[in-house]
N, C-alpha and C. Protein backbone atom coordinates (compact mmCIF):
# COMPACT_ATOMS: atom_id res chain seq x y z
N MET A 1 107.87 27.31 40.12
CA MET A 1 106.89 26.88 41.19
C MET A 1 106.43 28.28 42.20
N ARG A 2 107.56 29.20 42.61
CA ARG A 2 107.07 30.39 43.22
C ARG A 2 106.50 31.35 42.33
N PHE A 3 107.06 31.55 41.15
CA PHE A 3 106.18 32.61 40.12
C PHE A 3 104.88 32.19 40.17
N PHE A 4 104.37 30.65 39.80
CA PHE A 4 103.00 30.27 39.71
C PHE A 4 102.36 30.74 41.06
N ILE A 5 102.82 30.76 42.32
CA ILE A 5 102.14 30.82 43.45
C ILE A 5 101.90 32.20 43.88
N LYS A 6 102.87 33.25 43.31
CA LYS A 6 102.81 34.94 43.36
C LYS A 6 102.05 35.04 42.36
N LEU A 7 102.00 34.52 40.91
CA LEU A 7 100.69 34.93 40.32
C LEU A 7 99.14 34.40 40.78
N VAL A 8 99.14 33.17 41.09
CA VAL A 8 97.52 33.21 41.84
C VAL A 8 97.41 34.03 43.01
N GLY A 9 98.18 34.32 43.84
CA GLY A 9 97.75 35.70 44.68
C GLY A 9 97.72 36.64 43.99
N LEU A 10 98.08 37.15 43.15
CA LEU A 10 97.64 38.67 42.28
C LEU A 10 96.14 38.22 41.90
N ALA A 11 96.42 37.29 41.14
CA ALA A 11 95.05 36.84 40.84
C ALA A 11 93.66 37.19 42.48
N LEU A 12 93.86 36.63 43.02
CA LEU A 12 93.29 36.79 44.09
C LEU A 12 92.74 37.75 44.73
N VAL A 13 94.32 38.43 44.72
CA VAL A 13 93.80 40.12 44.99
C VAL A 13 92.73 40.74 44.02
N PHE A 14 93.25 40.44 42.86
CA PHE A 14 92.17 41.08 41.80
C PHE A 14 90.83 40.67 41.71
N VAL A 15 90.50 39.40 41.96
CA VAL A 15 89.42 39.50 42.34
C VAL A 15 88.64 39.99 43.67
N GLY A 16 89.24 39.92 44.89
CA GLY A 16 88.85 40.21 45.86
C GLY A 16 88.15 41.76 46.00
N ILE A 17 89.66 42.46 44.94
CA ILE A 17 89.46 44.06 44.60
C ILE A 17 88.20 44.08 43.56
N TYR A 18 87.95 43.18 42.66
CA TYR A 18 87.14 43.38 42.16
C TYR A 18 85.55 42.95 42.39
N PHE A 19 85.44 42.36 43.22
CA PHE A 19 84.15 42.27 44.05
C PHE A 19 83.62 42.91 45.13
N LEU A 20 84.93 43.35 45.97
CA LEU A 20 84.21 44.58 46.61
C LEU A 20 83.87 45.83 46.15
N GLY A 21 84.89 46.08 45.06
CA GLY A 21 84.54 47.03 44.11
C GLY A 21 83.27 47.27 43.60
N GLN A 22 82.42 46.03 43.27
CA GLN A 22 81.50 46.34 42.58
C GLN A 22 80.27 46.91 43.78
N ASN A 23 80.32 47.29 44.88
CA ASN A 23 79.48 47.83 45.33
C ASN A 23 79.61 49.00 45.70
N ILE A 24 80.82 50.00 45.78
CA ILE A 24 80.97 51.16 45.70
C ILE A 24 80.89 51.80 44.64
N PHE A 25 80.10 53.39 44.54
CA PHE A 25 79.97 54.00 43.13
C PHE A 25 79.81 55.32 43.70
N PHE A 26 80.82 55.96 42.81
CA PHE A 26 80.96 57.45 42.79
C PHE A 26 80.40 58.15 42.13
N THR A 27 79.62 58.89 42.61
CA THR A 27 78.99 59.73 41.67
C THR A 27 79.29 60.89 40.97
N THR A 28 78.81 61.31 39.89
CA THR A 28 79.63 63.00 39.29
C THR A 28 78.60 63.94 39.61
N GLN A 29 77.45 64.27 40.05
CA GLN A 29 76.39 65.22 39.90
C GLN A 29 76.92 66.25 40.09
N ILE A 30 76.27 67.15 40.11
CA ILE A 30 77.42 68.76 40.65
C ILE A 30 76.32 69.07 41.41
N SER A 31 76.97 69.15 42.53
CA SER A 31 76.60 69.70 43.92
C SER A 31 76.40 71.41 43.85
N PRO A 32 75.35 71.77 44.98
CA PRO A 32 75.41 72.99 44.83
C PRO A 32 76.71 73.58 45.69
N TYR A 33 77.11 72.97 46.61
CA TYR A 33 77.99 73.17 47.44
C TYR A 33 79.26 73.05 46.84
N TRP A 34 80.41 74.70 46.27
CA TRP A 34 81.19 73.84 46.01
C TRP A 34 82.31 73.17 47.05
N TRP A 35 82.37 73.23 48.59
CA TRP A 35 83.30 72.08 49.29
C TRP A 35 83.25 70.82 49.02
N ARG A 36 81.54 70.18 48.70
CA ARG A 36 81.50 68.72 48.63
C ARG A 36 82.20 68.59 47.07
N ASP A 37 82.71 68.98 46.45
CA ASP A 37 83.31 68.62 44.93
C ASP A 37 84.90 68.05 45.26
N ILE A 38 85.01 69.54 46.03
CA ILE A 38 86.60 69.00 46.79
C ILE A 38 86.81 67.78 47.80
N SER A 39 85.88 67.72 48.72
CA SER A 39 85.80 66.36 49.77
C SER A 39 85.79 65.15 48.89
N ALA A 40 85.55 64.82 47.61
CA ALA A 40 84.91 63.95 47.45
C ALA A 40 86.37 63.28 46.43
N THR A 41 86.73 64.26 45.53
CA THR A 41 88.26 64.12 44.91
C THR A 41 89.08 63.51 45.88
N ALA A 42 89.49 64.41 47.32
CA ALA A 42 90.22 64.35 47.89
C ALA A 42 89.93 63.41 48.64
N SER A 43 88.99 62.43 48.89
CA SER A 43 88.92 61.35 49.84
C SER A 43 89.46 60.43 49.06
N VAL A 44 89.49 60.37 47.70
CA VAL A 44 89.91 59.01 46.83
C VAL A 44 91.46 59.30 46.70
N LEU A 45 91.61 60.38 46.38
CA LEU A 45 93.20 60.78 46.28
C LEU A 45 94.20 60.23 47.91
N THR A 46 93.55 60.67 49.26
CA THR A 46 94.30 60.66 50.38
C THR A 46 93.67 59.23 50.58
N ILE A 47 93.07 58.52 50.24
CA ILE A 47 92.71 56.62 50.51
C ILE A 47 93.81 56.16 49.75
N THR A 48 93.69 56.46 48.44
CA THR A 48 94.90 55.75 47.74
C THR A 48 96.28 56.28 48.09
N GLY A 49 96.69 57.37 48.21
CA GLY A 49 97.99 57.74 48.74
C GLY A 49 98.20 56.83 50.06
N GLY A 50 97.16 57.28 51.23
CA GLY A 50 97.40 56.74 52.21
C GLY A 50 97.95 54.45 52.14
N ILE A 51 97.07 54.07 51.24
CA ILE A 51 97.02 52.60 51.03
C ILE A 51 98.68 52.71 50.35
N ILE A 52 99.14 53.17 49.19
CA ILE A 52 100.63 52.96 48.70
C ILE A 52 101.35 53.33 49.31
N SER A 53 101.50 54.62 50.25
CA SER A 53 102.30 55.01 51.61
C SER A 53 102.25 53.41 53.02
N ILE A 54 101.15 53.05 52.85
CA ILE A 54 101.52 51.78 53.79
C ILE A 54 102.18 50.46 53.43
N LEU A 55 101.70 50.25 52.29
CA LEU A 55 101.89 49.09 51.38
C LEU A 55 103.46 49.24 50.78
N PHE A 56 103.85 50.28 50.10
CA PHE A 56 105.24 50.74 49.42
C PHE A 56 106.30 51.15 50.27
N PHE A 57 106.05 52.07 51.51
CA PHE A 57 107.02 52.96 52.09
C PHE A 57 106.49 53.01 53.52
N ARG A 58 106.20 51.65 53.82
CA ARG A 58 105.95 51.83 55.38
C ARG A 58 106.88 51.97 56.26
N ARG A 59 108.27 51.46 56.24
CA ARG A 59 109.16 52.10 56.78
C ARG A 59 109.18 53.62 57.41
N ALA A 60 109.41 54.08 56.35
CA ALA A 60 109.36 55.57 56.01
C ALA A 60 108.23 56.42 56.44
N VAL A 61 107.27 56.10 55.70
CA VAL A 61 105.71 56.83 56.02
C VAL A 61 104.51 56.52 56.34
N GLY A 62 105.09 55.26 57.12
CA GLY A 62 103.81 54.26 57.38
C GLY A 62 102.50 54.91 57.99
N GLU A 63 103.04 55.90 59.17
CA GLU A 63 102.54 56.60 60.12
C GLU A 63 101.26 57.36 59.37
N LEU A 64 102.21 58.11 58.09
CA LEU A 64 101.39 58.98 57.86
C LEU A 64 100.19 58.18 56.74
N GLY A 65 100.66 56.98 55.95
CA GLY A 65 99.57 56.33 55.64
C GLY A 65 98.17 56.10 56.24
N TRP A 66 98.39 55.78 57.55
CA TRP A 66 97.03 55.18 58.46
C TRP A 66 96.39 56.63 58.54
N ILE A 67 97.16 57.76 58.36
CA ILE A 67 96.37 59.12 59.07
C ILE A 67 95.65 59.43 57.70
N LEU A 68 96.32 59.32 56.50
CA LEU A 68 95.94 59.48 55.44
C LEU A 68 94.48 58.83 54.93
N ILE A 69 94.59 57.68 55.36
CA ILE A 69 93.36 56.69 55.03
C ILE A 69 92.37 57.06 55.71
N GLY A 70 92.38 57.69 57.18
CA GLY A 70 91.07 57.85 58.33
C GLY A 70 90.85 59.19 57.52
N LEU A 71 91.81 60.38 57.19
CA LEU A 71 91.09 61.54 56.88
C LEU A 71 90.56 61.48 55.72
N GLY A 72 90.85 60.04 54.46
CA GLY A 72 89.97 59.77 53.60
C GLY A 72 88.49 59.87 53.33
N ILE A 73 88.62 58.79 54.61
CA ILE A 73 87.21 58.07 55.46
C ILE A 73 86.47 59.35 55.99
N ILE A 74 87.03 60.46 56.71
CA ILE A 74 86.13 61.19 57.26
C ILE A 74 85.99 61.92 55.86
N LEU A 75 86.55 62.32 54.94
CA LEU A 75 86.29 62.89 53.87
C LEU A 75 85.07 62.47 52.38
N VAL A 76 85.01 60.96 52.71
CA VAL A 76 84.16 60.46 52.21
C VAL A 76 82.36 60.94 52.86
N PHE A 77 82.52 60.85 54.16
CA PHE A 77 81.33 60.87 54.45
C PHE A 77 81.35 62.53 54.65
N VAL A 78 81.69 63.39 54.53
CA VAL A 78 81.68 64.73 54.47
C VAL A 78 80.92 64.75 53.26
N SER A 79 81.72 64.22 51.66
CA SER A 79 81.48 64.35 50.72
C SER A 79 79.85 63.72 50.18
N GLY A 80 79.57 62.96 50.97
CA GLY A 80 78.23 62.26 50.44
C GLY A 80 78.37 61.97 48.99
N ARG A 81 79.40 61.87 48.36
CA ARG A 81 79.07 61.27 46.62
C ARG A 81 79.19 59.96 46.85
N VAL A 82 79.72 59.14 47.75
CA VAL A 82 80.25 57.65 47.29
C VAL A 82 78.88 57.00 47.91
N ILE A 83 78.60 56.30 46.87
CA ILE A 83 77.28 55.09 47.39
C ILE A 83 77.70 53.97 47.69
N LEU A 84 77.51 53.82 48.91
CA LEU A 84 77.74 52.47 49.32
C LEU A 84 76.38 51.38 49.20
N ARG A 85 76.48 50.13 48.08
CA ARG A 85 75.33 49.24 48.14
C ARG A 85 75.60 48.32 49.39
N PRO A 86 74.01 47.76 49.74
CA PRO A 86 74.12 46.95 51.10
C PRO A 86 74.68 45.38 50.15
N THR A 87 75.72 44.85 50.52
CA THR A 87 75.97 43.53 50.49
C THR A 87 75.71 42.38 51.73
N SER A 88 75.98 41.64 51.39
CA SER A 88 75.76 40.31 52.52
C SER A 88 77.19 40.08 53.09
N LEU A 89 76.92 39.34 54.01
CA LEU A 89 78.07 39.53 54.75
C LEU A 89 78.92 38.22 54.50
N TRP A 90 78.21 37.04 53.90
CA TRP A 90 79.03 36.33 53.00
C TRP A 90 79.59 36.71 51.87
N TYR A 91 78.92 37.58 51.31
CA TYR A 91 79.59 37.95 49.83
C TYR A 91 80.96 38.80 50.34
N PHE A 92 80.66 39.63 51.45
CA PHE A 92 81.91 40.37 52.03
C PHE A 92 83.13 39.57 52.39
N PHE A 93 82.91 38.84 53.18
CA PHE A 93 83.68 37.48 53.78
C PHE A 93 84.07 37.07 52.49
N LEU A 94 84.13 36.41 51.56
CA LEU A 94 84.63 35.96 50.33
C LEU A 94 85.54 36.68 49.85
N SER A 95 85.32 37.74 49.78
CA SER A 95 86.16 38.59 48.62
C SER A 95 86.74 39.34 49.56
N PHE A 96 86.46 39.52 50.79
CA PHE A 96 87.64 39.74 51.75
C PHE A 96 88.65 38.85 52.17
N ALA A 97 88.17 37.88 52.42
CA ALA A 97 89.28 36.64 52.26
C ALA A 97 90.05 36.22 50.86
N SER A 98 89.78 36.96 50.14
CA SER A 98 90.22 36.25 48.84
C SER A 98 91.22 37.72 48.31
N LEU A 99 90.99 38.73 48.75
CA LEU A 99 92.12 39.97 49.07
C LEU A 99 93.11 39.52 49.96
N ILE A 100 93.09 39.28 51.46
CA ILE A 100 93.95 38.80 52.40
C ILE A 100 94.79 37.28 51.45
N ALA A 101 94.17 36.62 51.02
CA ALA A 101 94.72 35.49 50.58
C ALA A 101 95.61 35.37 49.50
N GLY A 102 95.15 36.24 48.91
CA GLY A 102 96.28 36.32 48.09
C GLY A 102 97.23 37.72 48.20
N PHE A 103 96.92 38.24 49.00
CA PHE A 103 98.10 39.18 49.49
C PHE A 103 99.33 38.27 50.52
N LYS A 104 98.39 37.17 50.92
CA LYS A 104 99.56 36.87 51.59
C LYS A 104 100.90 35.64 50.81
N LEU A 105 99.85 35.42 49.89
CA LEU A 105 100.65 34.59 48.89
C LEU A 105 101.40 35.08 48.38
N ILE A 106 101.45 36.30 47.74
CA ILE A 106 102.12 37.33 47.22
C ILE A 106 103.43 37.24 48.33
N THR A 107 103.33 38.18 49.66
CA THR A 107 104.46 38.63 50.37
C THR A 107 104.95 37.40 50.78
N THR A 108 104.50 36.24 51.52
CA THR A 108 105.03 34.77 51.84
C THR A 108 105.13 33.35 50.99
N GLY A 109 104.32 33.46 50.46
CA GLY A 109 104.41 32.02 49.54
C GLY A 109 103.87 31.26 50.01
N ARG A 110 102.72 31.38 51.53
CA ARG A 110 101.83 30.37 51.99
C ARG A 110 101.02 30.91 52.72
N ILE A 111 99.87 30.20 52.81
CA ILE A 111 98.94 30.63 54.09
C ILE A 111 98.79 29.95 54.96
N ASP A 112 98.90 30.66 56.26
CA ASP A 112 99.12 30.28 57.47
C ASP A 112 97.62 30.13 58.07
N PHE A 113 96.86 28.78 58.44
CA PHE A 113 95.38 28.62 58.80
C PHE A 113 96.20 28.59 60.32
């Protein structure tokens, strides 16, 4: 039964990531300024590194993970190469709730209301 709960949690996480990721586009057009290419690549790498350090190495480098996520968000705005499509609040709520519920099922095995 625990395996089934964790499998449902993993499916909910993937559904949440899929629906949130449908509204984010990374463009690959050539920029006239050389620093925009660097900040677009660095934003993806720093956000990914921050999420990995928070989820897997929280005790060792958890604070560094939050710093990397903040730096990645700043670099997204500097680069101007990430396009966020508008989404409804209901769509965002359902996808984020799916993501969080799946994570809770994976870690604790239950959802507390």
